[in-house]
Amino acid sequence: MTDDRLSTIFAALADPTRRAILARLAEGDATVNQLAEPFSISLPAISRHLKVLEHAGLITRSRTAQWRSSSLQAEPLREATAWMDRYRQFWDESFSRLDVHLRRIQSEEEKP
């Protein structure tokens, strides 16, 4: 995965409306009208959000007759998670070291 692809994925995820659309699509495919229901924005605005998500590879769009539905594509989320997991290990180790340090301070304070 290139950094540019990762940047595109994170840029798409940066918007709360797009994250809400992805959460809805995790429940199943949906049309633009169905995706627009909970938002107070126009259908063209929803369509622009869908284009960003599609460009990032987070959704696919298909057409059946006059209906155009969107589907979640989770692989890019896995790629982003794998990148973040490297840093999770760093933070877990940092918190473990902090925990050891705090216990040492507490035990020194408890000594008469």
PDB file of N, CA and C in Angstrom:
ATOM      1  N   MET A   1       0.854  -1.178   0.000  1.00  0.00           N
ATOM      2  CA  MET A   1       0.000   0.000   0.000  1.00  0.00           C
ATOM      3  C   MET A   1       0.893   1.233   0.000  1.00  0.00           C
ATOM      4  N   THR A   2       0.606   2.173  -0.858  1.00  0.00           N
ATOM      5  CA  THR A   2       1.399   3.387  -0.921  1.00  0.00           C
ATOM      6  C   THR A   2       0.868   4.396   0.078  1.00  0.00           C
ATOM      7  N   ASP A   3       1.752   5.339   0.447  1.00  0.00           N
ATOM      8  CA  ASP A   3       1.331   6.389   1.369  1.00  0.00           C
ATOM      9  C   ASP A   3       0.200   7.217   0.777  1.00  0.00           C
ATOM     10  N   ASP A   4       0.215   7.408  -0.552  1.00  0.00           N
ATOM     11  CA  ASP A   4      -0.848   8.190  -1.177  1.00  0.00           C
ATOM     12  C   ASP A   4      -2.195   7.507  -0.990  1.00  0.00           C
ATOM     13  N   ARG A   5      -2.234   6.195  -1.120  1.00  0.00           N
ATOM     14  CA  ARG A   5      -3.492   5.458  -0.919  1.00  0.00           C
ATOM     15  C   ARG A   5      -3.942   5.595   0.531  1.00  0.00           C
ATOM     16  N   LEU A   6      -2.998   5.469   1.446  1.00  0.00           N
ATOM     17  CA  LEU A   6      -3.325   5.615   2.860  1.00  0.00           C
ATOM     18  C   LEU A   6      -3.835   7.025   3.149  1.00  0.00           C
ATOM     19  N   SER A   7      -3.230   8.021   2.557  1.00  0.00           N
ATOM     20  CA  SER A   7      -3.685   9.409   2.735  1.00  0.00           C
ATOM     21  C   SER A   7      -5.097   9.587   2.205  1.00  0.00           C
ATOM     22  N   THR A   8      -5.390   8.954   1.083  1.00  0.00           N
ATOM     23  CA  THR A   8      -6.733   9.047   0.505  1.00  0.00           C
ATOM     24  C   THR A   8      -7.762   8.393   1.420  1.00  0.00           C
ATOM     25  N   ILE A   9      -7.402   7.253   1.988  1.00  0.00           N
ATOM     26  CA  ILE A   9      -8.308   6.551   2.900  1.00  0.00           C
ATOM     27  C   ILE A   9      -8.575   7.397   4.138  1.00  0.00           C
ATOM     28  N   PHE A  10      -7.501   7.913   4.753  1.00  0.00           N
ATOM     29  CA  PHE A  10      -7.689   8.717   5.968  1.00  0.00           C
ATOM     30  C   PHE A  10      -8.421  10.020   5.672  1.00  0.00           C
ATOM     31  N   ALA A  11      -8.191  10.614   4.514  1.00  0.00           N
ATOM     32  CA  ALA A  11      -8.908  11.837   4.147  1.00  0.00           C
ATOM     33  C   ALA A  11     -10.401  11.553   4.022  1.00  0.00           C
ATOM     34  N   ALA A  12     -10.743  10.410   3.443  1.00  0.00           N
ATOM     35  CA  ALA A  12     -12.154  10.044   3.314  1.00  0.00           C
ATOM     36  C   ALA A  12     -12.779   9.799   4.685  1.00  0.00           C
ATOM     37  N   LEU A  13     -12.016   9.198   5.592  1.00  0.00           N
ATOM     38  CA  LEU A  13     -12.528   8.895   6.933  1.00  0.00           C
ATOM     39  C   LEU A  13     -12.571  10.126   7.839  1.00  0.00           C
ATOM     40  N   ALA A  14     -11.937  11.211   7.432  1.00  0.00           N
ATOM     41  CA  ALA A  14     -11.861  12.408   8.277  1.00  0.00           C
ATOM     42  C   ALA A  14     -13.209  13.101   8.446  1.00  0.00           C
ATOM     43  N   ASP A  15     -14.121  12.872   7.533  1.00  0.00           N
ATOM     44  CA  ASP A  15     -15.410  13.560   7.586  1.00  0.00           C
ATOM     45  C   ASP A  15     -16.442  12.724   8.342  1.00  0.00           C
ATOM     46  N   PRO A  16     -17.135  13.316   9.333  1.00  0.00           N
ATOM     47  CA  PRO A  16     -18.113  12.552  10.118  1.00  0.00           C
ATOM     48  C   PRO A  16     -19.304  12.051   9.287  1.00  0.00           C
ATOM     49  N   THR A  17     -19.690  12.781   8.264  1.00  0.00           N
ATOM     50  CA  THR A  17     -20.785  12.320   7.413  1.00  0.00           C
ATOM     51  C   THR A  17     -20.379  11.056   6.671  1.00  0.00           C
ATOM     52  N   ARG A  18     -19.156  11.041   6.157  1.00  0.00           N
ATOM     53  CA  ARG A  18     -18.690   9.856   5.440  1.00  0.00           C
ATOM     54  C   ARG A  18     -18.540   8.667   6.379  1.00  0.00           C
ATOM     55  N   ARG A  19     -18.088   8.919   7.609  1.00  0.00           N
ATOM     56  CA  ARG A  19     -18.005   7.815   8.580  1.00  0.00           C
ATOM     57  C   ARG A  19     -19.393   7.267   8.896  1.00  0.00           C
ATOM     58  N   ALA A  20     -20.379   8.142   8.996  1.00  0.00           N
ATOM     59  CA  ALA A  20     -21.756   7.700   9.256  1.00  0.00           C
ATOM     60  C   ALA A  20     -22.299   6.904   8.065  1.00  0.00           C
ATOM     61  N   ILE A  21     -21.957   7.315   6.869  1.00  0.00           N
ATOM     62  CA  ILE A  21     -22.381   6.573   5.681  1.00  0.00           C
ATOM     63  C   ILE A  21     -21.760   5.176   5.703  1.00  0.00           C
ATOM     64  N   LEU A  22     -20.483   5.083   6.036  1.00  0.00           N
ATOM     65  CA  LEU A  22     -19.835   3.768   6.121  1.00  0.00           C
ATOM     66  C   LEU A  22     -20.487   2.898   7.188  1.00  0.00           C
ATOM     67  N   ALA A  23     -20.829   3.494   8.323  1.00  0.00           N
ATOM     68  CA  ALA A  23     -21.493   2.738   9.389  1.00  0.00           C
ATOM     69  C   ALA A  23     -22.837   2.202   8.898  1.00  0.00           C
ATOM     70  N   ARG A  24     -23.560   3.015   8.146  1.00  0.00           N
ATOM     71  CA  ARG A  24     -24.840   2.563   7.592  1.00  0.00           C
ATOM     72  C   ARG A  24     -24.623   1.428   6.593  1.00  0.00           C
ATOM     73  N   LEU A  25     -23.607   1.556   5.749  1.00  0.00           N
ATOM     74  CA  LEU A  25     -23.341   0.527   4.743  1.00  0.00           C
ATOM     75  C   LEU A  25     -22.830  -0.770   5.369  1.00  0.00           C
ATOM     76  N   ALA A  26     -22.303  -0.702   6.587  1.00  0.00           N
ATOM     77  CA  ALA A  26     -21.890  -1.926   7.284  1.00  0.00           C
ATOM     78  C   ALA A  26     -23.107  -2.802   7.581  1.00  0.00           C
ATOM     79  N   GLU A  27     -24.290  -2.198   7.610  1.00  0.00           N
ATOM     80  CA  GLU A  27     -25.537  -2.936   7.839  1.00  0.00           C
ATOM     81  C   GLU A  27     -26.071  -3.560   6.549  1.00  0.00           C
ATOM     82  N   GLY A  28     -25.598  -3.096   5.397  1.00  0.00           N
ATOM     83  CA  GLY A  28     -26.052  -3.617   4.105  1.00  0.00           C
ATOM     84  C   GLY A  28     -26.062  -2.536   3.047  1.00  0.00           C
ATOM     85  N   ASP A  29     -26.214  -2.952   1.815  1.00  0.00           N
ATOM     86  CA  ASP A  29     -26.249  -2.020   0.690  1.00  0.00           C
ATOM     87  C   ASP A  29     -27.384  -1.018   0.850  1.00  0.00           C
ATOM     88  N   ALA A  30     -27.195   0.160   0.250  1.00  0.00           N
ATOM     89  CA  ALA A  30     -28.221   1.201   0.348  1.00  0.00           C
ATOM     90  C   ALA A  30     -28.158   2.105  -0.870  1.00  0.00           C
ATOM     91  N   THR A  31     -29.300   2.704  -1.181  1.00  0.00           N
ATOM     92  CA  THR A  31     -29.374   3.679  -2.271  1.00  0.00           C
ATOM     93  C   THR A  31     -28.975   5.056  -1.730  1.00  0.00           C
ATOM     94  N   VAL A  32     -28.790   5.985  -2.638  1.00  0.00           N
ATOM     95  CA  VAL A  32     -28.452   7.360  -2.238  1.00  0.00           C
ATOM     96  C   VAL A  32     -29.552   7.938  -1.353  1.00  0.00           C
ATOM     97  N   ASN A  33     -30.804   7.712  -1.719  1.00  0.00           N
ATOM     98  CA  ASN A  33     -31.929   8.231  -0.914  1.00  0.00           C
ATOM     99  C   ASN A  33     -31.908   7.638   0.489  1.00  0.00           C
ATOM    100  N   GLN A  34     -31.650   6.350   0.594  1.00  0.00           N
ATOM    101  CA  GLN A  34     -31.595   5.717   1.918  1.00  0.00           C
ATOM    102  C   GLN A  34     -30.437   6.273   2.736  1.00  0.00           C
ATOM    103  N   LEU A  35     -29.311   6.501   2.091  1.00  0.00           N
ATOM    104  CA  LEU A  35     -28.151   7.041   2.813  1.00  0.00           C
ATOM    105  C   LEU A  35     -28.372   8.490   3.231  1.00  0.00           C
ATOM    106  N   ALA A  36     -29.162   9.215   2.459  1.00  0.00           N
ATOM    107  CA  ALA A  36     -29.390  10.639   2.740  1.00  0.00           C
ATOM    108  C   ALA A  36     -30.390  10.879   3.859  1.00  0.00           C
ATOM    109  N   GLU A  37     -31.231   9.891   4.162  1.00  0.00           N
ATOM    110  CA  GLU A  37     -32.324  10.078   5.128  1.00  0.00           C
ATOM    111  C   GLU A  37     -31.919  10.750   6.436  1.00  0.00           C
ATOM    112  N   PRO A  38     -30.876  10.289   7.122  1.00  0.00           N
ATOM    113  CA  PRO A  38     -30.594  10.888   8.432  1.00  0.00           C
ATOM    114  C   PRO A  38     -29.901  12.252   8.386  1.00  0.00           C
ATOM    115  N   PHE A  39     -29.560  12.721   7.205  1.00  0.00           N
ATOM    116  CA  PHE A  39     -28.795  13.965   7.104  1.00  0.00           C
ATOM    117  C   PHE A  39     -29.652  15.110   6.586  1.00  0.00           C
ATOM    118  N   SER A  40     -29.307  16.299   7.015  1.00  0.00           N
ATOM    119  CA  SER A  40     -30.018  17.490   6.532  1.00  0.00           C
ATOM    120  C   SER A  40     -29.193  18.171   5.447  1.00  0.00           C
ATOM    121  N   ILE A  41     -28.695  17.364   4.513  1.00  0.00           N
ATOM    122  CA  ILE A  41     -27.949  17.905   3.375  1.00  0.00           C
ATOM    123  C   ILE A  41     -28.584  17.369   2.094  1.00  0.00           C
ATOM    124  N   SER A  42     -28.254  17.998   0.996  1.00  0.00           N
ATOM    125  CA  SER A  42     -28.887  17.666  -0.279  1.00  0.00           C
ATOM    126  C   SER A  42     -28.394  16.320  -0.826  1.00  0.00           C
ATOM    127  N   LEU A  43     -29.168  15.768  -1.753  1.00  0.00           N
ATOM    128  CA  LEU A  43     -28.754  14.537  -2.427  1.00  0.00           C
ATOM    129  C   LEU A  43     -27.446  14.728  -3.200  1.00  0.00           C
ATOM    130  N   PRO A  44     -27.251  15.876  -3.877  1.00  0.00           N
ATOM    131  CA  PRO A  44     -25.963  16.066  -4.537  1.00  0.00           C
ATOM    132  C   PRO A  44     -24.782  16.082  -3.548  1.00  0.00           C
ATOM    133  N   ALA A  45     -25.013  16.589  -2.353  1.00  0.00           N
ATOM    134  CA  ALA A  45     -23.944  16.575  -1.339  1.00  0.00           C
ATOM    135  C   ALA A  45     -23.641  15.146  -0.909  1.00  0.00           C
ATOM    136  N   ILE A  46     -24.678  14.336  -0.731  1.00  0.00           N
ATOM    137  CA  ILE A  46     -24.464  12.924  -0.396  1.00  0.00           C
ATOM    138  C   ILE A  46     -23.704  12.246  -1.529  1.00  0.00           C
ATOM    139  N   SER A  47     -24.081  12.545  -2.766  1.00  0.00           N
ATOM    140  CA  SER A  47     -23.397  11.957  -3.917  1.00  0.00           C
ATOM    141  C   SER A  47     -21.920  12.331  -3.943  1.00  0.00           C
ATOM    142  N   ARG A  48     -21.605  13.559  -3.571  1.00  0.00           N
ATOM    143  CA  ARG A  48     -20.188  13.966  -3.511  1.00  0.00           C
ATOM    144  C   ARG A  48     -19.442  13.170  -2.445  1.00  0.00           C
ATOM    145  N   HIS A  49     -20.081  12.967  -1.290  1.00  0.00           N
ATOM    146  CA  HIS A  49     -19.464  12.145  -0.244  1.00  0.00           C
ATOM    147  C   HIS A  49     -19.237  10.716  -0.754  1.00  0.00           C
ATOM    148  N   LEU A  50     -20.206  10.186  -1.478  1.00  0.00           N
ATOM    149  CA  LEU A  50     -20.065   8.836  -2.009  1.00  0.00           C
ATOM    150  C   LEU A  50     -18.919   8.749  -3.014  1.00  0.00           C
ATOM    151  N   LYS A  51     -18.735   9.789  -3.803  1.00  0.00           N
ATOM    152  CA  LYS A  51     -17.626   9.800  -4.763  1.00  0.00           C
ATOM    153  C   LYS A  51     -16.286   9.763  -4.040  1.00  0.00           C
ATOM    154  N   VAL A  52     -16.178  10.500  -2.936  1.00  0.00           N
ATOM    155  CA  VAL A  52     -14.935  10.491  -2.149  1.00  0.00           C
ATOM    156  C   VAL A  52     -14.683   9.092  -1.588  1.00  0.00           C
ATOM    157  N   LEU A  53     -15.727   8.480  -1.046  1.00  0.00           N
ATOM    158  CA  LEU A  53     -15.591   7.129  -0.485  1.00  0.00           C
ATOM    159  C   LEU A  53     -15.246   6.119  -1.574  1.00  0.00           C
ATOM    160  N   GLU A  54     -15.844   6.285  -2.735  1.00  0.00           N
ATOM    161  CA  GLU A  54     -15.555   5.378  -3.851  1.00  0.00           C
ATOM    162  C   GLU A  54     -14.119   5.557  -4.331  1.00  0.00           C
ATOM    163  N   HIS A  55     -13.659   6.802  -4.429  1.00  0.00           N
ATOM    164  CA  HIS A  55     -12.284   7.081  -4.845  1.00  0.00           C
ATOM    165  C   HIS A  55     -11.278   6.453  -3.877  1.00  0.00           C
ATOM    166  N   ALA A  56     -11.620   6.427  -2.596  1.00  0.00           N
ATOM    167  CA  ALA A  56     -10.740   5.833  -1.583  1.00  0.00           C
ATOM    168  C   ALA A  56     -10.836   4.311  -1.574  1.00  0.00           C
ATOM    169  N   GLY A  57     -11.765   3.753  -2.338  1.00  0.00           N
ATOM    170  CA  GLY A  57     -11.936   2.309  -2.375  1.00  0.00           C
ATOM    171  C   GLY A  57     -12.750   1.760  -1.222  1.00  0.00           C
ATOM    172  N   LEU A  58     -13.385   2.649  -0.458  1.00  0.00           N
ATOM    173  CA  LEU A  58     -14.153   2.224   0.713  1.00  0.00           C
ATOM    174  C   LEU A  58     -15.556   1.735   0.364  1.00  0.00           C
ATOM    175  N   ILE A  59     -16.045   2.118  -0.805  1.00  0.00           N
ATOM    176  CA  ILE A  59     -17.348   1.631  -1.259  1.00  0.00           C
ATOM    177  C   ILE A  59     -17.263   1.313  -2.753  1.00  0.00           C
ATOM    178  N   THR A  60     -18.202   0.512  -3.208  1.00  0.00           N
ATOM    179  CA  THR A  60     -18.436   0.342  -4.635  1.00  0.00           C
ATOM    180  C   THR A  60     -19.871   0.744  -4.899  1.00  0.00           C
ATOM    181  N   ARG A  61     -20.107   1.200  -6.125  1.00  0.00           N
ATOM    182  CA  ARG A  61     -21.456   1.612  -6.503  1.00  0.00           C
ATOM    183  C   ARG A  61     -21.880   0.805  -7.715  1.00  0.00           C
ATOM    184  N   SER A  62     -23.120   0.359  -7.702  1.00  0.00           N
ATOM    185  CA  SER A  62     -23.643  -0.410  -8.826  1.00  0.00           C
ATOM    186  C   SER A  62     -24.993   0.146  -9.231  1.00  0.00           C
ATOM    187  N   ARG A  63     -25.380  -0.173 -10.445  1.00  0.00           N
ATOM    188  CA  ARG A  63     -26.649   0.329 -10.967  1.00  0.00           C
ATOM    189  C   ARG A  63     -27.494  -0.847 -11.423  1.00  0.00           C
ATOM    190  N   THR A  64     -28.741  -0.873 -10.953  1.00  0.00           N
ATOM    191  CA  THR A  64     -29.724  -1.849 -11.394  1.00  0.00           C
ATOM    192  C   THR A  64     -30.954  -1.060 -11.811  1.00  0.00           C
ATOM    193  N   ALA A  65     -31.227  -1.067 -13.097  1.00  0.00           N
ATOM    194  CA  ALA A  65     -32.318  -0.245 -13.651  1.00  0.00           C
ATOM    195  C   ALA A  65     -32.081   1.206 -13.240  1.00  0.00           C
ATOM    196  N   GLN A  66     -33.060   1.840 -12.577  1.00  0.00           N
ATOM    197  CA  GLN A  66     -32.878   3.241 -12.161  1.00  0.00           C
ATOM    198  C   GLN A  66     -32.265   3.364 -10.773  1.00  0.00           C
ATOM    199  N   TRP A  67     -32.045   2.239 -10.085  1.00  0.00           N
ATOM    200  CA  TRP A  67     -31.518   2.275  -8.717  1.00  0.00           C
ATOM    201  C   TRP A  67     -30.009   2.179  -8.745  1.00  0.00           C
ATOM    202  N   ARG A  68     -29.388   3.026  -7.974  1.00  0.00           N
ATOM    203  CA  ARG A  68     -27.942   2.988  -7.830  1.00  0.00           C
ATOM    204  C   ARG A  68     -27.647   2.730  -6.360  1.00  0.00           C
ATOM    205  N   SER A  69     -27.058   1.578  -6.056  1.00  0.00           N
ATOM    206  CA  SER A  69     -26.791   1.255  -4.658  1.00  0.00           C
ATOM    207  C   SER A  69     -25.295   1.288  -4.383  1.00  0.00           C
ATOM    208  N   SER A  70     -24.975   1.434  -3.120  1.00  0.00           N
ATOM    209  CA  SER A  70     -23.585   1.469  -2.663  1.00  0.00           C
ATOM    210  C   SER A  70     -23.357   0.308  -1.712  1.00  0.00           C
ATOM    211  N   SER A  71     -22.123  -0.213  -1.742  1.00  0.00           N
ATOM    212  CA  SER A  71     -21.737  -1.329  -0.881  1.00  0.00           C
ATOM    213  C   SER A  71     -20.420  -1.002  -0.198  1.00  0.00           C
ATOM    214  N   LEU A  72     -20.304  -1.404   1.035  1.00  0.00           N
ATOM    215  CA  LEU A  72     -19.075  -1.216   1.794  1.00  0.00           C
ATOM    216  C   LEU A  72     -17.993  -2.152   1.268  1.00  0.00           C
ATOM    217  N   GLN A  73     -16.777  -1.645   1.163  1.00  0.00           N
ATOM    218  CA  GLN A  73     -15.597  -2.442   0.823  1.00  0.00           C
ATOM    219  C   GLN A  73     -14.627  -2.279   1.992  1.00  0.00           C
ATOM    220  N   ALA A  74     -14.461  -3.307   2.789  1.00  0.00           N
ATOM    221  CA  ALA A  74     -13.735  -3.185   4.052  1.00  0.00           C
ATOM    222  C   ALA A  74     -12.215  -3.294   3.923  1.00  0.00           C
ATOM    223  N   GLU A  75     -11.708  -3.769   2.814  1.00  0.00           N
ATOM    224  CA  GLU A  75     -10.260  -3.975   2.693  1.00  0.00           C
ATOM    225  C   GLU A  75      -9.440  -2.707   2.985  1.00  0.00           C
ATOM    226  N   PRO A  76      -9.812  -1.539   2.449  1.00  0.00           N
ATOM    227  CA  PRO A  76      -9.033  -0.345   2.786  1.00  0.00           C
ATOM    228  C   PRO A  76      -9.039  -0.032   4.290  1.00  0.00           C
ATOM    229  N   LEU A  77     -10.135  -0.365   4.974  1.00  0.00           N
ATOM    230  CA  LEU A  77     -10.173  -0.167   6.429  1.00  0.00           C
ATOM    231  C   LEU A  77      -9.162  -1.083   7.105  1.00  0.00           C
ATOM    232  N   ARG A  78      -9.018  -2.296   6.587  1.00  0.00           N
ATOM    233  CA  ARG A  78      -8.029  -3.235   7.124  1.00  0.00           C
ATOM    234  C   ARG A  78      -6.620  -2.676   6.918  1.00  0.00           C
ATOM    235  N   GLU A  79      -6.380  -2.091   5.762  1.00  0.00           N
ATOM    236  CA  GLU A  79      -5.064  -1.505   5.477  1.00  0.00           C
ATOM    237  C   GLU A  79      -4.760  -0.365   6.453  1.00  0.00           C
ATOM    238  N   ALA A  80      -5.740   0.496   6.691  1.00  0.00           N
ATOM    239  CA  ALA A  80      -5.542   1.614   7.617  1.00  0.00           C
ATOM    240  C   ALA A  80      -5.334   1.102   9.036  1.00  0.00           C
ATOM    241  N   THR A  81      -6.085   0.092   9.415  1.00  0.00           N
ATOM    242  CA  THR A  81      -5.946  -0.492  10.753  1.00  0.00           C
ATOM    243  C   THR A  81      -4.573  -1.127  10.935  1.00  0.00           C
ATOM    244  N   ALA A  82      -4.088  -1.814   9.909  1.00  0.00           N
ATOM    245  CA  ALA A  82      -2.762  -2.434   9.987  1.00  0.00           C
ATOM    246  C   ALA A  82      -1.693  -1.365  10.190  1.00  0.00           C
ATOM    247  N   TRP A  83      -1.842  -0.241   9.518  1.00  0.00           N
ATOM    248  CA  TRP A  83      -0.877   0.845   9.690  1.00  0.00           C
ATOM    249  C   TRP A  83      -0.938   1.394  11.114  1.00  0.00           C
ATOM    250  N   MET A  84      -2.142   1.562  11.643  1.00  0.00           N
ATOM    251  CA  MET A  84      -2.302   2.098  12.994  1.00  0.00           C
ATOM    252  C   MET A  84      -1.858   1.105  14.064  1.00  0.00           C
ATOM    253  N   ASP A  85      -1.980  -0.185  13.800  1.00  0.00           N
ATOM    254  CA  ASP A  85      -1.595  -1.201  14.784  1.00  0.00           C
ATOM    255  C   ASP A  85      -0.127  -1.119  15.167  1.00  0.00           C
ATOM    256  N   ARG A  86       0.715  -0.686  14.229  1.00  0.00           N
ATOM    257  CA  ARG A  86       2.130  -0.515  14.575  1.00  0.00           C
ATOM    258  C   ARG A  86       2.292   0.488  15.712  1.00  0.00           C
ATOM    259  N   TYR A  87       1.472   1.500  15.711  1.00  0.00           N
ATOM    260  CA  TYR A  87       1.561   2.532  16.738  1.00  0.00           C
ATOM    261  C   TYR A  87       0.830   2.123  18.015  1.00  0.00           C
ATOM    262  N   ARG A  88      -0.133   1.239  17.897  1.00  0.00           N
ATOM    263  CA  ARG A  88      -0.804   0.720  19.082  1.00  0.00           C
ATOM    264  C   ARG A  88       0.208  -0.004  19.970  1.00  0.00           C
ATOM    265  N   GLN A  89       1.085  -0.784  19.351  1.00  0.00           N
ATOM    266  CA  GLN A  89       2.117  -1.487  20.118  1.00  0.00           C
ATOM    267  C   GLN A  89       3.002  -0.485  20.849  1.00  0.00           C
ATOM    268  N   PHE A  90       3.361   0.593  20.190  1.00  0.00           N
ATOM    269  CA  PHE A  90       4.173   1.637  20.826  1.00  0.00           C
ATOM    270  C   PHE A  90       3.456   2.190  22.057  1.00  0.00           C
ATOM    271  N   TRP A  91       2.149   2.525  21.909  1.00  0.00           N
ATOM    272  CA  TRP A  91       1.408   3.097  23.028  1.00  0.00           C
ATOM    273  C   TRP A  91       1.199   2.089  24.138  1.00  0.00           C
ATOM    274  N   ASP A  92       0.951   0.840  23.784  1.00  0.00           N
ATOM    275  CA  ASP A  92       0.799  -0.190  24.817  1.00  0.00           C
ATOM    276  C   ASP A  92       2.073  -0.322  25.640  1.00  0.00           C
ATOM    277  N   GLU A  93       3.225  -0.313  24.979  1.00  0.00           N
ATOM    278  CA  GLU A  93       4.497  -0.405  25.695  1.00  0.00           C
ATOM    279  C   GLU A  93       4.740   0.840  26.542  1.00  0.00           C
ATOM    280  N   SER A  94       4.369   1.998  26.005  1.00  0.00           N
ATOM    281  CA  SER A  94       4.537   3.246  26.765  1.00  0.00           C
ATOM    282  C   SER A  94       3.676   3.241  28.021  1.00  0.00           C
ATOM    283  N   PHE A  95       2.440   2.786  27.895  1.00  0.00           N
ATOM    284  CA  PHE A  95       1.559   2.732  29.065  1.00  0.00           C
ATOM    285  C   PHE A  95       2.064   1.708  30.081  1.00  0.00           C
ATOM    286  N   SER A  96       2.630   0.624  29.603  1.00  0.00           N
ATOM    287  CA  SER A  96       3.178  -0.379  30.521  1.00  0.00           C
ATOM    288  C   SER A  96       4.345   0.215  31.308  1.00  0.00           C
ATOM    289  N   ARG A  97       5.219   0.947  30.619  1.00  0.00           N
ATOM    290  CA  ARG A  97       6.341   1.589  31.310  1.00  0.00           C
ATOM    291  C   ARG A  97       5.850   2.625  32.304  1.00  0.00           C
ATOM    292  N   LEU A  98       4.816   3.380  31.938  1.00  0.00           N
ATOM    293  CA  LEU A  98       4.248   4.373  32.844  1.00  0.00           C
ATOM    294  C   LEU A  98       3.655   3.694  34.071  1.00  0.00           C
ATOM    295  N   ASP A  99       2.975   2.577  33.871  1.00  0.00           N
ATOM    296  CA  ASP A  99       2.383   1.834  34.978  1.00  0.00           C
ATOM    297  C   ASP A  99       3.467   1.361  35.952  1.00  0.00           C
ATOM    298  N   VAL A 100       4.558   0.832  35.421  1.00  0.00           N
ATOM    299  CA  VAL A 100       5.670   0.385  36.272  1.00  0.00           C
ATOM    300  C   VAL A 100       6.239   1.565  37.049  1.00  0.00           C
ATOM    301  N   HIS A 101       6.412   2.683  36.378  1.00  0.00           N
ATOM    302  CA  HIS A 101       6.962   3.879  37.025  1.00  0.00           C
ATOM    303  C   HIS A 101       6.030   4.371  38.143  1.00  0.00           C
ATOM    304  N   LEU A 102       4.730   4.420  37.882  1.00  0.00           N
ATOM    305  CA  LEU A 102       3.778   4.880  38.897  1.00  0.00           C
ATOM    306  C   LEU A 102       3.747   3.943  40.105  1.00  0.00           C
ATOM    307  N   ARG A 103       3.814   2.648  39.867  1.00  0.00           N
ATOM    308  CA  ARG A 103       3.861   1.698  40.985  1.00  0.00           C
ATOM    309  C   ARG A 103       5.115   1.893  41.819  1.00  0.00           C
ATOM    310  N   ARG A 104       6.239   2.152  41.167  1.00  0.00           N
ATOM    311  CA  ARG A 104       7.491   2.377  41.887  1.00  0.00           C
ATOM    312  C   ARG A 104       7.378   3.640  42.756  1.00  0.00           C
ATOM    313  N   ILE A 105       6.800   4.696  42.201  1.00  0.00           N
ATOM    314  CA  ILE A 105       6.621   5.942  42.964  1.00  0.00           C
ATOM    315  C   ILE A 105       5.700   5.703  44.160  1.00  0.00           C
ATOM    316  N   GLN A 106       4.605   4.991  43.932  1.00  0.00           N
ATOM    317  CA  GLN A 106       3.662   4.720  45.017  1.00  0.00           C
ATOM    318  C   GLN A 106       4.315   3.883  46.121  1.00  0.00           C
ATOM    319  N   SER A 107       5.098   2.916  45.739  1.00  0.00           N
ATOM    320  CA  SER A 107       5.738   2.063  46.775  1.00  0.00           C
ATOM    321  C   SER A 107       6.782   2.869  47.538  1.00  0.00           C
ATOM    322  N   GLU A 108       7.457   3.804  46.900  1.00  0.00           N
ATOM    323  CA  GLU A 108       8.433   4.639  47.604  1.00  0.00           C
ATOM    324  C   GLU A 108       7.732   5.587  48.577  1.00  0.00           C
ATOM    325  N   GLU A 109       6.552   6.079  48.203  1.00  0.00           N
ATOM    326  CA  GLU A 109       5.796   6.962  49.072  1.00  0.00           C
ATOM    327  C   GLU A 109       5.231   6.222  50.275  1.00  0.00           C
ATOM    328  N   GLU A 110       4.961   4.948  50.147  1.00  0.00           N
ATOM    329  CA  GLU A 110       4.376   4.163  51.216  1.00  0.00           C
ATOM    330  C   GLU A 110       5.428   3.726  52.238  1.00  0.00           C
ATOM    331  N   LYS A 111       6.701   3.801  51.904  1.00  0.00           N
ATOM    332  CA  LYS A 111       7.760   3.416  52.839  1.00  0.00           C
ATOM    333  C   LYS A 111       7.847   4.458  53.946  1.00  0.00           C
ATOM    334  N   PRO A 112       8.031   4.002  55.207  1.00  0.00           N
ATOM    335  CA  PRO A 112       8.089   4.965  56.323  1.00  0.00           C
ATOM    336  C   PRO A 112       9.350   5.787  56.324  1.00  0.00           C
TER     337      PRO A 112
END
